[in-house]
Amino acid sequence: MLSRLTRPQALAVSALPVVALLATAAFAPLPFSVAQPGSTANVLGENQGTPVITVSGTPTRKTSGQLRMTTIVATGPDARVSLGDVVGDWFRTDRAVMPRDSVYPKGDTVKEIEKHNLAQMRESQDSATQAALKHLGLSADKVKVTLRLADVGGPSAGLLFSLGIIDKLDGDGSGGDLTGGRTIAGTGTIDGSGKVGAVGGVGLKTQAARRDGATVFLVPKAECAEAEAELPEGLRLVPVTTLKGAVDALVALEKGQGPVPSC
């Protein structure tokens, strides 16, 4: 009987179900995805042999430097992530354990998720084009912009698409490159009015950016703290809230004049 057991015996007996639970949990699937730094793509160049940005109806300019959009790669929605995986990756700087629902729409199949992500990308491209042309004072009725980026979904490349369009059409506004010849990377959604929104996974995206040669990273201001937490050496954070703010910051960097925001 339990009442007649000594304290050490009672502890040992009560611990048995806990050990069994932990052993089971170590192998049971959990509602998480494990993410890591993904690929980057220069929106001023080509992706899989096709220009990312094509413009007709107005002259374009030859650019130097790079504007690299960034991605993360996560375990698939059907992948089994166990407690052992979570514990193993929790303290790694090149991995992030994220709620699956924050990575993939809840309850969707893989095909539905791909369709959803592609729809988000198309919407993001439309908003990016609208914001860029509005910034430049150009009419969408006269200028046609086509954006192509294979194997990437979601809305987080919006800011970089807008900046790429502006650089190809106007540069810094005075004949120079918006990049100043640098490799600039970043992330952020954008709406038609030019407002920049948060995206998630910025700590992993900064690592992808630095790996691929970036020295400056444009980050939604609301995500400064997350970006700073694991910031790679040699990468400068520039927080932004609007497309105009991002352009102004890049021009200030390029000319070496005026304030450049910092986190």
Protein backbone atom coordinates (compact mmCIF):
# COMPACT_ATOMS: atom_id res chain seq x y z
CA MET A 1 0.00 0.00 0.00
CA LEU A 2 1.20 3.50 -0.79
CA SER A 3 0.64 4.73 2.76
CA ARG A 4 3.17 2.24 4.09
CA LEU A 5 5.92 3.12 1.58
CA THR A 6 8.89 5.14 2.70
CA ARG A 7 9.43 8.54 1.01
CA PRO A 8 12.14 7.30 -1.37
CA GLN A 9 9.93 4.41 -2.41
CA ALA A 10 6.96 6.70 -2.97
CA LEU A 11 9.03 9.00 -5.16
CA ALA A 12 10.33 6.10 -7.19
CA VAL A 13 6.86 4.70 -7.79
CA SER A 14 5.33 8.06 -8.70
CA ALA A 15 8.19 8.72 -11.09
CA LEU A 16 7.51 5.67 -13.21
CA PRO A 17 4.53 7.12 -15.13
CA VAL A 18 6.49 10.36 -15.74
CA VAL A 19 9.42 8.44 -17.22
CA ALA A 20 7.05 6.48 -19.42
CA LEU A 21 5.34 9.72 -20.53
CA LEU A 22 8.64 11.36 -21.42
CA ALA A 23 9.77 8.28 -23.31
CA THR A 24 6.53 8.34 -25.31
CA ALA A 25 6.66 12.11 -25.90
CA ALA A 26 10.20 11.87 -27.23
CA PHE A 27 8.91 9.96 -30.23
CA ALA A 28 5.35 11.33 -30.55
CA PRO A 29 4.68 13.91 -33.31
CA LEU A 30 4.32 17.49 -32.08
CA PRO A 31 2.59 20.49 -33.76
CA PHE A 32 5.88 22.21 -34.67
CA SER A 33 8.02 22.78 -37.72
CA VAL A 34 11.79 23.11 -37.69
CA ALA A 35 13.04 25.93 -39.92
CA GLN A 36 16.47 26.92 -41.18
CA PRO A 37 17.96 29.58 -43.47
CA GLY A 38 16.76 29.14 -47.04
CA SER A 39 17.81 30.44 -50.43
CA THR A 40 18.11 34.06 -51.47
CA ALA A 41 17.49 35.58 -54.90
CA ASN A 42 18.70 38.80 -56.46
CA VAL A 43 15.55 40.51 -57.75
CA LEU A 44 17.70 42.71 -60.01
CA GLY A 45 19.01 39.65 -61.83
CA GLU A 46 17.74 36.31 -63.08
CA ASN A 47 16.16 33.34 -61.36
CA GLN A 48 16.48 29.99 -63.13
CA GLY A 49 17.46 31.78 -66.34
CA THR A 50 14.57 34.25 -66.37
CA PRO A 51 14.74 37.93 -65.33
CA VAL A 52 12.93 38.42 -62.04
CA ILE A 53 11.73 41.90 -63.05
CA THR A 54 10.69 42.77 -66.61
CA VAL A 55 9.36 46.25 -67.45
CA SER A 56 7.77 47.54 -70.65
CA GLY A 57 6.27 50.90 -71.52
CA THR A 58 9.12 52.98 -70.10
CA PRO A 59 12.94 52.94 -70.31
CA THR A 60 14.87 50.89 -67.78
CA ARG A 61 18.41 51.37 -66.52
CA LYS A 62 21.31 48.99 -66.07
CA THR A 63 21.92 48.30 -62.40
CA SER A 64 24.88 47.23 -60.32
CA GLY A 65 24.82 45.71 -56.87
CA GLN A 66 22.18 43.26 -55.69
CA LEU A 67 18.84 43.30 -53.90
CA ARG A 68 18.41 39.84 -52.42
CA MET A 69 15.07 38.60 -51.10
CA THR A 70 15.44 35.97 -48.38
CA THR A 71 13.61 32.79 -47.43
CA ILE A 72 13.44 30.11 -44.77
CA VAL A 73 13.05 26.37 -45.31
CA ALA A 74 10.80 24.46 -42.92
CA THR A 75 9.95 20.81 -42.40
CA GLY A 76 6.83 19.92 -44.38
CA PRO A 77 3.30 20.06 -42.94
CA ASP A 78 3.18 16.26 -42.86
CA ALA A 79 6.62 15.82 -41.30
CA ARG A 80 6.84 14.23 -37.86
CA VAL A 81 8.63 16.54 -35.41
CA SER A 82 9.24 14.85 -32.05
CA LEU A 83 10.25 16.17 -28.65
CA GLY A 84 13.75 14.92 -29.38
CA ASP A 85 13.87 17.06 -32.53
CA VAL A 86 12.59 20.10 -30.64
CA VAL A 87 15.10 19.72 -27.81
CA GLY A 88 17.94 19.04 -30.23
CA ASP A 89 17.26 22.15 -32.32
CA TRP A 90 16.10 24.54 -29.58
CA PHE A 91 19.54 25.98 -28.81
CA ARG A 92 20.94 25.99 -32.35
CA THR A 93 21.32 29.42 -33.92
CA ASP A 94 20.85 28.00 -37.43
CA ARG A 95 17.53 26.34 -36.56
CA ALA A 96 14.23 27.62 -35.20
CA VAL A 97 11.37 25.61 -33.74
CA MET A 98 8.13 27.29 -34.84
CA PRO A 99 4.45 26.44 -34.30
CA ARG A 100 3.32 24.63 -37.43
CA ASP A 101 0.29 26.92 -37.72
CA SER A 102 2.63 29.91 -38.03
CA VAL A 103 4.33 28.30 -41.01
CA TYR A 104 1.45 26.54 -42.75
CA PRO A 105 -2.27 27.30 -42.91
CA LYS A 106 -4.05 25.05 -40.43
CA GLY A 107 -5.85 21.98 -41.74
CA ASP A 108 -4.77 22.33 -45.39
CA THR A 109 -3.26 19.61 -47.56
CA VAL A 110 0.18 20.06 -49.12
CA LYS A 111 -1.40 20.97 -52.48
CA GLU A 112 -3.75 23.47 -50.84
CA ILE A 113 -0.84 25.03 -48.96
CA GLU A 114 1.17 25.39 -52.18
CA LYS A 115 -1.85 26.99 -53.86
CA HIS A 116 -2.32 29.35 -50.90
CA ASN A 117 1.36 30.37 -50.90
CA LEU A 118 1.37 31.02 -54.65
CA ALA A 119 -1.76 33.15 -54.30
CA GLN A 120 -0.03 35.15 -51.54
CA MET A 121 3.01 35.62 -53.77
CA ARG A 122 0.89 36.89 -56.68
CA GLU A 123 -0.95 39.29 -54.39
CA SER A 124 2.38 40.46 -52.98
CA GLN A 125 3.74 41.06 -56.49
CA ASP A 126 0.68 43.11 -57.45
CA SER A 127 1.00 45.22 -54.29
CA ALA A 128 4.75 45.65 -54.80
CA THR A 129 4.23 46.87 -58.36
CA GLN A 130 1.45 49.24 -57.29
CA ALA A 131 3.55 50.69 -54.45
CA ALA A 132 6.65 51.14 -56.65
CA LEU A 133 4.81 52.85 -59.50
CA LYS A 134 2.98 55.10 -57.04
CA HIS A 135 6.30 56.04 -55.44
CA LEU A 136 7.66 56.97 -58.89
CA GLY A 137 4.52 58.77 -60.00
CA LEU A 138 3.99 56.38 -62.94
CA SER A 139 0.71 55.02 -64.24
CA ALA A 140 0.00 51.29 -64.29
CA ASP A 141 -1.98 51.91 -67.47
CA LYS A 142 1.23 52.85 -69.29
CA VAL A 143 3.89 50.81 -67.53
CA LYS A 144 3.70 47.02 -67.37
CA VAL A 145 5.77 45.16 -64.78
CA THR A 146 6.13 41.38 -64.75
CA LEU A 147 7.64 39.62 -61.74
CA ARG A 148 8.82 36.01 -61.91
CA LEU A 149 10.37 34.07 -59.04
CA ALA A 150 10.22 30.29 -59.23
CA ASP A 151 9.80 27.93 -56.27
CA VAL A 152 9.05 30.65 -53.72
CA GLY A 153 5.69 31.34 -52.11
CA GLY A 154 4.26 33.77 -49.60
CA PRO A 155 4.21 37.57 -49.32
CA SER A 156 7.54 38.36 -47.66
CA ALA A 157 9.42 39.43 -50.83
CA GLY A 158 7.11 42.40 -51.39
CA LEU A 159 9.48 45.09 -50.15
CA LEU A 160 12.41 43.80 -52.22
CA PHE A 161 10.26 43.56 -55.35
CA SER A 162 9.25 47.22 -54.95
CA LEU A 163 12.84 48.32 -54.41
CA GLY A 164 13.96 46.33 -57.44
CA ILE A 165 11.39 48.01 -59.67
CA ILE A 166 12.43 51.44 -58.40
CA ASP A 167 16.12 50.70 -58.96
CA LYS A 168 15.51 49.51 -62.52
CA LEU A 169 13.42 52.56 -63.40
CA ASP A 170 14.92 55.41 -61.37
CA GLY A 171 17.85 54.23 -59.26
CA ASP A 172 18.61 56.71 -56.51
CA GLY A 173 16.83 59.47 -58.42
CA SER A 174 20.01 61.19 -59.57
CA GLY A 175 21.63 58.64 -61.87
CA GLY A 176 23.16 56.32 -59.27
CA ASP A 177 22.21 52.85 -58.13
CA LEU A 178 19.85 52.46 -55.21
CA THR A 179 22.15 49.75 -53.89
CA GLY A 180 25.28 51.86 -54.16
CA GLY A 181 26.89 48.74 -55.68
CA ARG A 182 26.37 46.81 -52.44
CA THR A 183 24.65 43.51 -51.85
CA ILE A 184 21.53 44.51 -49.95
CA ALA A 185 19.16 41.90 -48.54
CA GLY A 186 15.92 42.13 -46.65
CA THR A 187 12.40 40.98 -46.04
CA GLY A 188 8.97 42.48 -45.46
CA THR A 189 5.47 42.46 -46.85
CA ILE A 190 4.18 45.54 -48.61
CA ASP A 191 0.75 46.93 -49.44
CA GLY A 192 -0.27 49.15 -52.33
CA SER A 193 0.31 52.30 -50.28
CA GLY A 194 3.91 51.32 -49.49
CA LYS A 195 3.45 50.20 -45.87
CA VAL A 196 5.94 47.50 -44.83
CA GLY A 197 4.74 44.64 -42.64
CA ALA A 198 6.34 41.98 -40.44
CA VAL A 199 6.96 38.47 -41.73
CA GLY A 200 8.61 36.15 -39.18
CA GLY A 201 11.78 34.08 -39.34
CA VAL A 202 13.99 37.15 -39.65
CA GLY A 203 16.75 35.66 -37.48
CA LEU A 204 17.18 32.84 -39.98
CA LYS A 205 16.86 35.20 -42.96
CA THR A 206 19.72 37.38 -41.72
CA GLN A 207 21.92 34.28 -41.71
CA ALA A 208 20.92 33.43 -45.27
CA ALA A 209 21.63 37.03 -46.29
CA ARG A 210 25.11 37.13 -44.79
CA ARG A 211 25.94 33.69 -46.20
CA ASP A 212 25.15 35.02 -49.67
CA GLY A 213 27.25 38.15 -49.36
CA ALA A 214 24.90 40.83 -48.02
CA THR A 215 26.29 43.59 -45.82
CA VAL A 216 22.99 45.42 -45.21
CA PHE A 217 19.66 43.90 -44.21
CA LEU A 218 16.33 45.74 -44.40
CA VAL A 219 14.08 44.50 -41.61
CA PRO A 220 10.52 45.47 -40.64
CA LYS A 221 10.99 47.74 -37.62
CA ALA A 222 8.68 45.63 -35.45
CA GLU A 223 11.10 42.70 -35.82
CA CYS A 224 14.32 44.51 -34.88
CA ALA A 225 14.72 42.64 -31.58
CA GLU A 226 14.40 39.23 -33.22
CA ALA A 227 16.86 40.19 -35.96
CA GLU A 228 19.39 41.54 -33.44
CA ALA A 229 19.27 38.41 -31.27
CA GLU A 230 21.36 36.27 -33.65
CA LEU A 231 22.74 38.92 -35.99
CA PRO A 232 25.67 37.59 -38.08
CA GLU A 233 28.91 39.55 -37.89
CA GLY A 234 29.33 42.01 -40.74
CA LEU A 235 25.62 42.54 -41.38
CA ARG A 236 24.06 45.95 -40.71
CA LEU A 237 20.38 46.14 -39.82
CA VAL A 238 18.27 48.95 -41.25
CA PRO A 239 14.70 49.05 -39.86
CA VAL A 240 11.91 50.20 -42.17
CA THR A 241 8.19 50.86 -41.90
CA THR A 242 7.47 52.24 -45.39
CA LEU A 243 8.79 51.93 -48.92
CA LYS A 244 9.77 55.61 -48.91
CA GLY A 245 11.70 55.09 -45.69
CA ALA A 246 13.55 52.15 -47.22
CA VAL A 247 14.45 54.16 -50.35
CA ASP A 248 15.59 57.13 -48.25
CA ALA A 249 17.76 54.87 -46.09
CA LEU A 250 19.42 53.24 -49.12
CA VAL A 251 20.06 56.62 -50.76
CA ALA A 252 21.63 57.89 -47.52
CA LEU A 253 23.86 54.79 -47.41
CA GLU A 254 24.81 55.16 -51.07
CA LYS A 255 25.68 58.86 -50.82
CA GLY A 256 27.12 58.67 -47.32
CA GLN A 257 24.89 61.58 -46.34
CA GLY A 258 21.96 61.90 -43.97
CA PRO A 259 20.75 59.66 -41.16
CA VAL A 260 20.40 55.92 -41.65
CA PRO A 261 17.98 54.28 -39.20
CA SER A 262 19.27 51.58 -36.89
CA CYS A 263 17.60 49.06 -34.59
